[in-house]
Amino acid sequence: MAALDRPAGIRSIAPAPGRRSGNRAPAAPRGGASRPGGGASVIAPLAREQHGPDMIILVTVVALTALGILMVYSSTALREYARNSDTLGTVGPQFLWAAVGFVALFVLMRVDFRWLRLVSLPGLLVALAMLLLIHVPELSVNVGGSSQWLRIPGLGSFQPGEAAKLALVVYLAHWLARRGSAVRGFRSGLVPFVVIVAPLALLVFVSPDLGTTTVIGATAIAMLFVAGGNPLHLLGLAATAATAALVFMKDYQLARLQAFGDPFRDAAGTGYQSVQGLLALGIGGLFGAGLGETAAAGGIVLPEAYNDYIFGIIGQELGFMGATAVVAGFILLAWRGIRIALAAPDTFGALLATGITAYLCIQAFINIGVVVTLLPVTGITLPFVSAGGSSLIVSLVAVGILLSVSRETVARGGVVDASADRGRRYGRAHLPGPRRRPIAPRATGRA
């Protein structure tokens, strides 16, 4: 019987002889099949390989989410008690959103990620439709002049920009995998890429949401680069997008950009958030002032403490050690995500893992960079940690998809079944960078 060499620790999900299974492998070619006892060799059908998900990512995400719930409670309990005599007013919904998100994570972790290719285009169109609807006054929720939330009757509000990031990642992974080496060309790669990304990024930008626009643009460019896009085209595209953003920024966004160089120049005005964030980090010292000290006498008044600036609260209450642990968590996530992309079973899976890892880690870098004044204030959440149901649920859904890819990663030298977007019969995902050689199957016959 023909057999494929399997990496150590990976099990096949092909049905065992004599047992029925819902996963039906392709039938053997007619010319190679024979009746039991015949002299012709029997060709074994190719089967998907599966193993356990990446536990480092799972444990890291659980830890970050638990820390986020703790810090949201610590930073809002006294405020909610003073307002509504309910210390769980903010953290209660956050806990429920986390529960919903983890249910979705574990379900998607068990689902073959390739099914997403069927819904990639409808998902992108739905995301675009939701971004258009937030510009309808009757359907949007306006907060501080920003219409980033869509009002859903009976369910509250939802931030379409969060779903748009994941929808774009899934569709780009599908599109880039189908496009293949053509992505390096200007007309065949860059132009259609801009046509796909620009409408979504523009709708988010005018909402206005500069932080989410930056995440979308940086993630899309990272995916095109990994897929083999021309670096010169990417540099030109990034420069053009940055210039356009500067030209069309609103006045308050330009004021934040001007205050970025020296926030202490106007510490009570445009530089207020940056200065308060730095003071909160400074008060924390090495081990922090303790949980709940944010609201105590002498604590720093930090705007959006439980949301955009929750990293400042972590630094104040848990100190340098707590802040370092959060940074280490996202470094672990980036490392494991890259490893999953390199060992993905097909090109779609590799690009999907790349996009999800990039979007989560770029967003975390921007959030933390804003708090430590490495970047101007943009207003974006820290994935898994900041309060907000839209961000938390979508981030956990993204991790569920990433873990689904991780269940089919192949060790170096292993082989999997063929995929249409690889252009070869055997071998792992084909990306322009890593050099990989396809490994032919080892066939044996039996009388």
Protein backbone atom coordinates (compact mmCIF):
# COMPACT_ATOMS: atom_id res chain seq x y z
CA MET A 1 0.00 0.00 0.00
CA ALA A 2 1.30 3.44 -0.81
CA ALA A 3 2.06 5.51 2.24
CA LEU A 4 3.12 9.03 3.07
CA ASP A 5 5.80 9.72 5.65
CA ARG A 6 4.14 11.56 8.51
CA PRO A 7 5.90 13.92 10.92
CA ALA A 8 6.29 12.67 14.43
CA GLY A 9 3.36 13.42 16.69
CA ILE A 10 0.86 13.95 13.87
CA ARG A 11 -2.07 11.64 13.44
CA SER A 12 -4.17 11.05 10.38
CA ILE A 13 -7.89 11.67 10.49
CA ALA A 14 -8.58 9.22 7.68
CA PRO A 15 -11.19 6.63 8.68
CA ALA A 16 -9.84 3.40 10.06
CA PRO A 17 -10.59 0.16 8.15
CA GLY A 18 -14.04 -1.16 8.90
CA ARG A 19 -15.23 2.08 10.49
CA ARG A 20 -17.32 4.89 9.08
CA SER A 21 -16.26 8.47 9.41
CA GLY A 22 -17.70 11.83 8.46
CA ASN A 23 -14.31 12.79 6.95
CA ARG A 24 -14.32 10.88 3.67
CA ALA A 25 -10.95 10.78 1.94
CA PRO A 26 -10.76 10.85 -1.86
CA ALA A 27 -11.17 7.49 -3.50
CA ALA A 28 -8.14 5.78 -5.01
CA PRO A 29 -7.67 6.03 -8.78
CA ARG A 30 -9.51 3.35 -10.72
CA GLY A 31 -6.40 2.13 -12.44
CA GLY A 32 -4.58 1.47 -9.15
CA ALA A 33 -7.38 -0.08 -7.14
CA SER A 34 -7.89 -3.82 -6.87
CA ARG A 35 -10.16 -6.25 -5.14
CA PRO A 36 -8.97 -7.81 -1.89
CA GLY A 37 -6.59 -10.62 -2.67
CA GLY A 38 -5.80 -9.28 -6.15
CA GLY A 39 -2.27 -8.81 -7.42
CA ALA A 40 -2.49 -5.09 -8.26
CA SER A 41 -1.12 -2.56 -5.77
CA VAL A 42 -3.58 -0.43 -3.84
CA ILE A 43 -2.99 3.32 -3.69
CA ALA A 44 -3.77 4.80 -0.27
CA PRO A 45 -5.91 7.92 -0.46
CA LEU A 46 -4.37 11.17 0.70
CA ALA A 47 -5.73 12.30 4.06
CA ARG A 48 -5.59 15.49 6.07
CA GLU A 49 -3.23 15.40 9.00
CA GLN A 50 -4.25 16.86 12.35
CA HIS A 51 -2.72 17.18 15.77
CA GLY A 52 -3.30 19.32 18.84
CA PRO A 53 -3.54 23.12 18.59
CA ASP A 54 -0.67 25.39 19.57
CA MET A 55 -0.99 25.39 23.36
CA ILE A 56 1.44 28.28 23.83
CA ILE A 57 -0.89 30.58 21.90
CA LEU A 58 -3.97 29.26 23.70
CA VAL A 59 -2.46 29.69 27.17
CA THR A 60 -1.11 33.14 26.28
CA VAL A 61 -4.48 34.36 25.02
CA VAL A 62 -6.30 32.98 28.07
CA ALA A 63 -3.78 34.73 30.36
CA LEU A 64 -4.06 38.07 28.54
CA THR A 65 -7.86 37.92 28.59
CA ALA A 66 -7.95 37.07 32.29
CA LEU A 67 -5.54 39.92 33.03
CA GLY A 68 -7.72 42.25 30.99
CA ILE A 69 -10.84 41.35 32.97
CA LEU A 70 -8.94 41.89 36.22
CA MET A 71 -7.61 45.29 35.15
CA VAL A 72 -10.97 46.45 33.80
CA TYR A 73 -12.53 45.59 37.16
CA SER A 74 -9.73 47.28 39.09
CA SER A 75 -10.00 50.48 37.07
CA THR A 76 -13.81 50.76 36.99
CA ALA A 77 -15.20 49.19 40.17
CA LEU A 78 -15.22 52.33 42.33
CA ARG A 79 -16.45 54.53 39.50
CA GLU A 80 -19.35 52.18 38.73
CA TYR A 81 -20.22 51.89 42.42
CA ALA A 82 -20.36 55.69 42.73
CA ARG A 83 -22.56 55.95 39.65
CA ASN A 84 -24.87 52.93 39.89
CA SER A 85 -23.97 51.12 43.13
CA ASP A 86 -22.80 48.26 40.93
CA THR A 87 -19.09 47.47 40.85
CA LEU A 88 -19.63 45.05 37.95
CA GLY A 89 -21.20 47.63 35.65
CA THR A 90 -18.27 47.56 33.19
CA VAL A 91 -16.51 44.29 33.89
CA GLY A 92 -19.71 42.21 33.92
CA PRO A 93 -20.39 42.62 30.21
CA GLN A 94 -16.67 42.15 29.54
CA PHE A 95 -16.80 38.75 31.25
CA LEU A 96 -19.83 37.73 29.18
CA TRP A 97 -18.15 38.85 25.94
CA ALA A 98 -15.07 36.84 26.89
CA ALA A 99 -17.24 33.75 27.45
CA VAL A 100 -18.90 34.18 24.04
CA GLY A 101 -15.53 34.77 22.41
CA PHE A 102 -13.97 31.64 23.90
CA VAL A 103 -16.93 29.52 22.79
CA ALA A 104 -16.37 30.83 19.25
CA LEU A 105 -12.62 30.21 19.60
CA PHE A 106 -13.01 26.55 20.57
CA VAL A 107 -15.61 25.94 17.85
CA LEU A 108 -13.50 27.51 15.10
CA MET A 109 -10.42 25.73 16.36
CA ARG A 110 -12.11 22.43 15.47
CA VAL A 111 -13.38 23.56 12.07
CA ASP A 112 -11.29 23.17 8.91
CA PHE A 113 -10.06 26.70 8.17
CA ARG A 114 -10.36 26.07 4.40
CA TRP A 115 -14.13 26.51 4.66
CA LEU A 116 -13.43 30.21 5.14
CA ARG A 117 -12.52 30.46 1.48
CA LEU A 118 -16.20 29.95 0.61
CA VAL A 119 -17.32 32.88 2.77
CA SER A 120 -14.32 35.17 2.25
CA LEU A 121 -15.97 37.39 -0.39
CA PRO A 122 -19.42 37.53 1.28
CA GLY A 123 -17.69 38.34 4.58
CA LEU A 124 -15.80 41.23 3.00
CA LEU A 125 -18.97 42.58 1.39
CA VAL A 126 -20.85 42.38 4.69
CA ALA A 127 -18.01 44.26 6.42
CA LEU A 128 -18.15 46.98 3.75
CA ALA A 129 -21.93 47.22 4.13
CA MET A 130 -21.64 47.66 7.91
CA LEU A 131 -19.01 50.36 7.46
CA LEU A 132 -21.39 52.18 5.13
CA LEU A 133 -24.25 51.89 7.61
CA ILE A 134 -22.34 53.66 10.39
CA HIS A 135 -22.55 56.80 8.28
CA VAL A 136 -26.34 56.69 8.53
CA PRO A 137 -27.17 58.89 11.56
CA GLU A 138 -30.19 56.80 12.57
CA LEU A 139 -28.11 53.62 12.75
CA SER A 140 -24.85 54.87 14.23
CA VAL A 141 -23.72 55.79 17.72
CA ASN A 142 -21.75 59.04 17.81
CA VAL A 143 -19.18 59.38 20.59
CA GLY A 144 -17.09 62.55 20.68
CA GLY A 145 -17.70 63.27 17.01
CA SER A 146 -16.72 59.75 15.95
CA SER A 147 -19.26 57.38 14.40
CA GLN A 148 -17.47 54.05 14.79
CA TRP A 149 -20.34 52.05 16.30
CA LEU A 150 -23.35 50.53 14.61
CA ARG A 151 -26.55 50.39 16.64
CA ILE A 152 -28.08 46.91 16.64
CA PRO A 153 -31.64 46.83 18.08
CA GLY A 154 -31.83 44.57 21.13
CA LEU A 155 -28.07 43.90 21.18
CA GLY A 156 -26.56 47.32 21.80
CA SER A 157 -23.75 48.64 19.61
CA PHE A 158 -21.08 46.96 17.53
CA GLN A 159 -17.87 48.32 16.03
CA PRO A 160 -17.72 47.22 12.37
CA GLY A 161 -14.09 48.28 12.08
CA GLU A 162 -13.07 45.33 14.25
CA ALA A 163 -14.89 42.83 12.05
CA ALA A 164 -13.52 44.55 8.94
CA LYS A 165 -9.93 43.72 9.94
CA LEU A 166 -10.61 40.00 10.14
CA ALA A 167 -12.81 39.98 7.02
CA LEU A 168 -10.05 41.65 5.02
CA VAL A 169 -7.40 39.21 6.31
CA VAL A 170 -9.50 36.19 5.28
CA TYR A 171 -10.29 37.54 1.83
CA LEU A 172 -6.73 38.69 1.13
CA ALA A 173 -5.39 35.27 2.14
CA HIS A 174 -7.79 33.67 -0.35
CA TRP A 175 -7.10 36.20 -3.11
CA LEU A 176 -3.30 36.19 -2.74
CA ALA A 177 -3.20 32.38 -2.68
CA ARG A 178 -5.15 32.24 -5.95
CA ARG A 179 -3.12 35.03 -7.54
CA GLY A 180 0.20 33.29 -6.91
CA SER A 181 3.36 34.83 -8.38
CA ALA A 182 1.28 37.42 -10.26
CA VAL A 183 1.15 39.54 -7.09
CA ARG A 184 4.63 40.79 -7.92
CA GLY A 185 3.41 42.66 -10.99
CA PHE A 186 2.04 46.20 -10.97
CA ARG A 187 -1.12 45.60 -12.97
CA SER A 188 -1.63 42.00 -11.91
CA GLY A 189 -0.75 42.50 -8.24
CA LEU A 190 -0.60 46.03 -6.84
CA VAL A 191 -3.53 47.59 -8.72
CA PRO A 192 -6.15 44.95 -7.81
CA PHE A 193 -4.72 44.84 -4.28
CA VAL A 194 -5.37 48.58 -3.88
CA VAL A 195 -8.86 48.16 -5.34
CA ILE A 196 -9.62 45.56 -2.66
CA VAL A 197 -8.11 47.35 0.35
CA ALA A 198 -8.73 51.04 -0.40
CA PRO A 199 -12.57 51.14 -0.06
CA LEU A 200 -12.52 49.42 3.31
CA ALA A 201 -9.62 51.51 4.64
CA LEU A 202 -11.23 54.73 3.37
CA LEU A 203 -14.56 53.99 5.06
CA VAL A 204 -12.79 53.37 8.37
CA PHE A 205 -10.65 56.50 7.97
CA VAL A 206 -13.63 58.82 7.46
CA SER A 207 -15.54 57.39 10.44
CA PRO A 208 -12.96 58.73 11.69
CA ASP A 209 -10.69 56.01 13.09
CA LEU A 210 -7.04 56.58 12.25
CA GLY A 211 -5.80 53.76 14.50
CA THR A 212 -7.90 51.03 12.87
CA THR A 213 -7.03 52.42 9.42
CA THR A 214 -3.34 52.08 10.26
CA VAL A 215 -3.81 48.49 11.43
CA ILE A 216 -5.74 47.59 8.26
CA GLY A 217 -3.17 49.16 5.96
CA ALA A 218 -0.12 47.74 7.75
CA THR A 219 -1.64 44.24 7.92
CA ALA A 220 -2.59 44.25 4.25
CA ILE A 221 0.89 45.40 3.20
CA ALA A 222 2.50 42.74 5.40
CA MET A 223 0.39 40.03 3.75
CA LEU A 224 1.25 41.25 0.25
CA PHE A 225 4.94 41.32 1.15
CA VAL A 226 4.85 37.75 2.47
CA ALA A 227 2.95 36.62 -0.62
CA GLY A 228 5.76 37.95 -2.84
CA GLY A 229 4.75 41.53 -3.59
CA ASN A 230 7.35 43.88 -5.05
CA PRO A 231 9.06 45.75 -2.15
CA LEU A 232 9.35 48.93 -4.24
CA HIS A 233 5.62 48.86 -4.95
CA LEU A 234 4.93 48.39 -1.23
CA LEU A 235 7.18 51.29 -0.22
CA GLY A 236 5.51 53.55 -2.76
CA LEU A 237 2.06 52.46 -1.60
CA ALA A 238 2.91 53.06 2.07
CA ALA A 239 4.32 56.51 1.33
CA THR A 240 1.29 57.45 -0.77
CA ALA A 241 -1.14 56.29 1.92
CA ALA A 242 0.72 58.18 4.67
CA THR A 243 0.75 61.37 2.60
CA ALA A 244 -2.95 61.10 1.84
CA ALA A 245 -3.72 60.53 5.52
CA LEU A 246 -1.79 63.68 6.49
CA VAL A 247 -3.65 65.75 3.89
CA PHE A 248 -7.12 64.63 4.97
CA MET A 249 -6.63 64.43 8.75
CA LYS A 250 -9.10 66.27 10.92
CA ASP A 251 -7.94 69.21 13.05
CA TYR A 252 -7.88 67.29 16.33
CA GLN A 253 -5.84 64.51 14.72
CA LEU A 254 -3.29 67.04 13.46
CA ALA A 255 -3.17 68.58 16.94
CA ARG A 256 -2.37 65.16 18.42
CA LEU A 257 0.36 64.70 15.85
CA GLN A 258 1.87 68.08 16.70
CA ALA A 259 1.72 67.33 20.44
CA PHE A 260 3.51 64.02 19.91
CA GLY A 261 6.95 65.64 19.76
CA ASP A 262 6.63 67.31 23.18
CA PRO A 263 3.41 66.45 25.04
CA PHE A 264 4.53 68.41 28.13
CA ARG A 265 4.36 71.65 26.14
CA ASP A 266 0.57 71.54 26.46
CA ALA A 267 0.16 69.08 29.34
CA ALA A 268 -3.36 70.32 30.15
CA GLY A 269 -4.53 70.30 26.53
CA THR A 270 -3.52 68.21 23.52
CA GLY A 271 -0.74 66.46 25.46
CA TYR A 272 -2.93 65.58 28.47
CA GLN A 273 -3.46 61.90 27.70
CA SER A 274 0.19 61.28 26.84
CA VAL A 275 1.45 63.03 29.97
CA GLN A 276 -0.99 61.21 32.26
CA GLY A 277 -0.02 57.90 30.72
CA LEU A 278 3.67 58.53 31.35
CA LEU A 279 2.98 59.60 34.95
CA ALA A 280 0.93 56.43 35.54
CA LEU A 281 3.78 54.27 34.28
CA GLY A 282 6.26 56.20 36.42
CA ILE A 283 4.23 55.80 39.62
CA GLY A 284 4.10 52.03 39.18
CA GLY A 285 7.83 51.51 39.63
CA LEU A 286 9.08 47.95 39.50
CA PHE A 287 6.20 46.04 41.10
CA GLY A 288 3.34 48.55 40.93
CA ALA A 289 1.23 50.47 43.43
CA GLY A 290 -1.27 47.61 43.82
CA LEU A 291 -4.65 46.72 42.39
CA GLY A 292 -7.29 49.40 42.78
CA GLU A 293 -4.79 52.16 43.51
CA THR A 294 -5.72 53.97 40.30
CA ALA A 295 -8.85 55.33 41.94
CA ALA A 296 -7.24 55.89 45.35
CA ALA A 297 -5.98 59.21 46.65
CA GLY A 298 -2.78 60.08 44.79
CA GLY A 299 -3.69 57.93 41.82
CA ILE A 300 -3.35 59.31 38.30
CA VAL A 301 -6.51 60.39 36.50
CA LEU A 302 -6.13 58.60 33.19
CA PRO A 303 -8.70 59.14 30.40
CA GLU A 304 -9.95 55.92 28.79
CA ALA A 305 -8.14 54.02 31.54
CA TYR A 306 -10.04 50.78 31.00
CA ASN A 307 -9.93 50.98 27.21
CA ASP A 308 -7.27 52.64 25.05
CA TYR A 309 -4.95 53.40 27.99
CA ILE A 310 -5.31 50.18 29.95
CA PHE A 311 -1.59 49.50 29.48
CA GLY A 312 -0.96 52.61 31.59
CA ILE A 313 -3.15 51.14 34.34
CA ILE A 314 -1.21 47.88 34.17
CA GLY A 315 2.04 49.82 34.54
CA GLN A 316 0.69 51.81 37.47
CA GLU A 317 -0.88 48.95 39.43
CA LEU A 318 1.38 46.03 38.45
CA GLY A 319 4.54 47.97 37.69
CA PHE A 320 7.30 47.29 35.21
CA MET A 321 7.02 43.55 35.78
CA GLY A 322 3.33 43.47 34.91
CA ALA A 323 3.82 45.65 31.82
CA THR A 324 6.73 43.46 30.71
CA ALA A 325 4.59 40.35 31.08
CA VAL A 326 1.99 41.83 28.70
CA VAL A 327 4.66 42.72 26.14
CA ALA A 328 6.13 39.23 26.48
CA GLY A 329 2.69 37.74 25.84
CA PHE A 330 2.39 39.49 22.49
CA ILE A 331 5.97 38.57 21.58
CA LEU A 332 5.06 34.94 22.24
CA LEU A 333 1.95 35.33 20.10
CA ALA A 334 4.01 36.81 17.24
CA TRP A 335 6.65 34.07 17.47
CA ARG A 336 4.19 31.19 17.46
CA GLY A 337 2.08 32.81 14.76
CA ILE A 338 5.10 33.10 12.46
CA ARG A 339 6.00 29.46 13.10
CA ILE A 340 2.44 28.41 12.25
CA ALA A 341 2.59 30.40 9.00
CA LEU A 342 5.90 28.79 8.00
CA ALA A 343 4.59 25.27 8.69
CA ALA A 344 1.05 25.76 7.33
CA PRO A 345 -0.33 22.95 5.14
CA ASP A 346 -1.14 25.23 2.19
CA THR A 347 -0.59 28.75 0.97
CA PHE A 348 -4.01 29.96 2.08
CA GLY A 349 -3.32 28.73 5.62
CA ALA A 350 0.12 30.36 5.61
CA LEU A 351 -1.25 33.73 4.53
CA LEU A 352 -4.19 33.45 6.91
CA ALA A 353 -1.85 32.81 9.86
CA THR A 354 0.37 35.68 8.70
CA GLY A 355 -2.52 38.13 8.49
CA ILE A 356 -4.05 37.23 11.85
CA THR A 357 -0.69 37.36 13.63
CA ALA A 358 0.17 40.67 11.97
CA TYR A 359 -3.14 42.34 12.74
CA LEU A 360 -3.17 41.37 16.42
CA CYS A 361 0.48 42.21 17.05
CA ILE A 362 0.49 45.45 15.02
CA GLN A 363 -2.56 46.63 16.96
CA ALA A 364 -0.88 45.74 20.26
CA PHE A 365 2.30 47.56 19.21
CA ILE A 366 0.34 50.69 18.29
CA ASN A 367 -1.63 50.68 21.56
CA ILE A 368 1.46 50.21 23.73
CA GLY A 369 3.46 52.65 21.59
CA VAL A 370 0.84 55.34 22.17
CA VAL A 371 0.92 54.87 25.95
CA VAL A 372 4.72 55.09 26.14
CA THR A 373 4.68 58.03 23.63
CA LEU A 374 6.54 56.21 20.88
CA LEU A 375 3.54 56.97 18.64
CA PRO A 376 0.99 59.80 18.54
CA VAL A 377 -2.39 59.23 20.18
CA THR A 378 -4.67 57.30 17.83
CA GLY A 379 -7.31 55.66 20.03
CA ILE A 380 -7.13 51.91 19.57
CA THR A 381 -7.70 48.99 21.94
CA LEU A 382 -5.15 46.52 23.30
CA PRO A 383 -6.29 43.10 21.99
CA PHE A 384 -7.72 40.74 24.66
CA VAL A 385 -7.02 43.27 27.44
CA SER A 386 -8.99 46.49 26.80
CA ALA A 387 -12.68 46.73 27.59
CA GLY A 388 -14.96 46.37 24.58
CA GLY A 389 -17.04 43.50 23.28
CA SER A 390 -16.39 44.04 19.57
CA SER A 391 -12.61 43.97 19.93
CA LEU A 392 -12.55 41.05 22.37
CA ILE A 393 -14.91 38.76 20.45
CA VAL A 394 -13.32 39.39 17.05
CA SER A 395 -9.81 38.92 18.49
CA LEU A 396 -10.78 35.58 20.03
CA VAL A 397 -12.46 34.49 16.79
CA ALA A 398 -9.22 35.33 14.95
CA VAL A 399 -7.21 33.24 17.41
CA GLY A 400 -9.63 30.34 16.91
CA ILE A 401 -8.90 30.44 13.16
CA LEU A 402 -5.16 30.64 13.84
CA LEU A 403 -5.38 27.59 16.10
CA SER A 404 -7.28 25.74 13.37
CA VAL A 405 -4.30 26.32 11.06
CA SER A 406 -1.93 25.23 13.84
CA ARG A 407 -3.69 21.85 14.07
CA GLU A 408 -2.47 21.00 10.59
CA THR A 409 1.04 22.39 10.64
CA VAL A 410 3.66 20.09 9.15
CA ALA A 411 7.15 19.56 10.56
CA ARG A 412 10.08 20.22 8.23
CA GLY A 413 10.39 17.27 5.91
CA GLY A 414 6.74 16.26 6.30
CA VAL A 415 4.26 16.06 3.46
CA VAL A 416 0.55 16.68 3.19
CA ASP A 417 -2.13 16.34 0.58
CA ALA A 418 -1.98 18.49 -2.54
CA SER A 419 -3.55 21.94 -2.68
CA ALA A 420 -4.71 23.81 -5.76
CA ASP A 421 -2.90 27.02 -4.87
CA ARG A 422 0.51 25.46 -4.41
CA GLY A 423 1.23 24.40 -7.97
CA ARG A 424 2.87 21.15 -6.84
CA ARG A 425 1.68 17.72 -5.85
CA TYR A 426 3.37 17.34 -2.49
CA GLY A 427 5.09 19.63 -0.02
CA ARG A 428 4.16 22.34 2.40
CA ALA A 429 2.82 25.79 1.70
CA HIS A 430 4.77 27.58 -1.01
CA LEU A 431 5.78 31.15 -0.21
CA PRO A 432 8.48 33.05 -2.12
CA GLY A 433 10.90 33.33 0.80
CA PRO A 434 11.60 29.89 2.33
CA ARG A 435 13.23 27.31 0.07
CA ARG A 436 11.38 24.04 0.26
CA ARG A 437 11.65 20.91 -1.82
CA PRO A 438 8.63 18.71 -2.52
CA ILE A 439 8.97 15.18 -1.19
CA ALA A 440 7.64 12.35 -3.31
CA PRO A 441 5.50 9.67 -1.66
CA ARG A 442 7.00 6.30 -0.85
CA ALA A 443 5.02 3.51 -2.56
CA THR A 444 4.97 -0.17 -1.70
CA GLY A 445 2.91 -2.99 -3.10
CA ARG A 446 1.43 -6.11 -1.67
CA ALA A 447 0.16 -9.25 -3.29
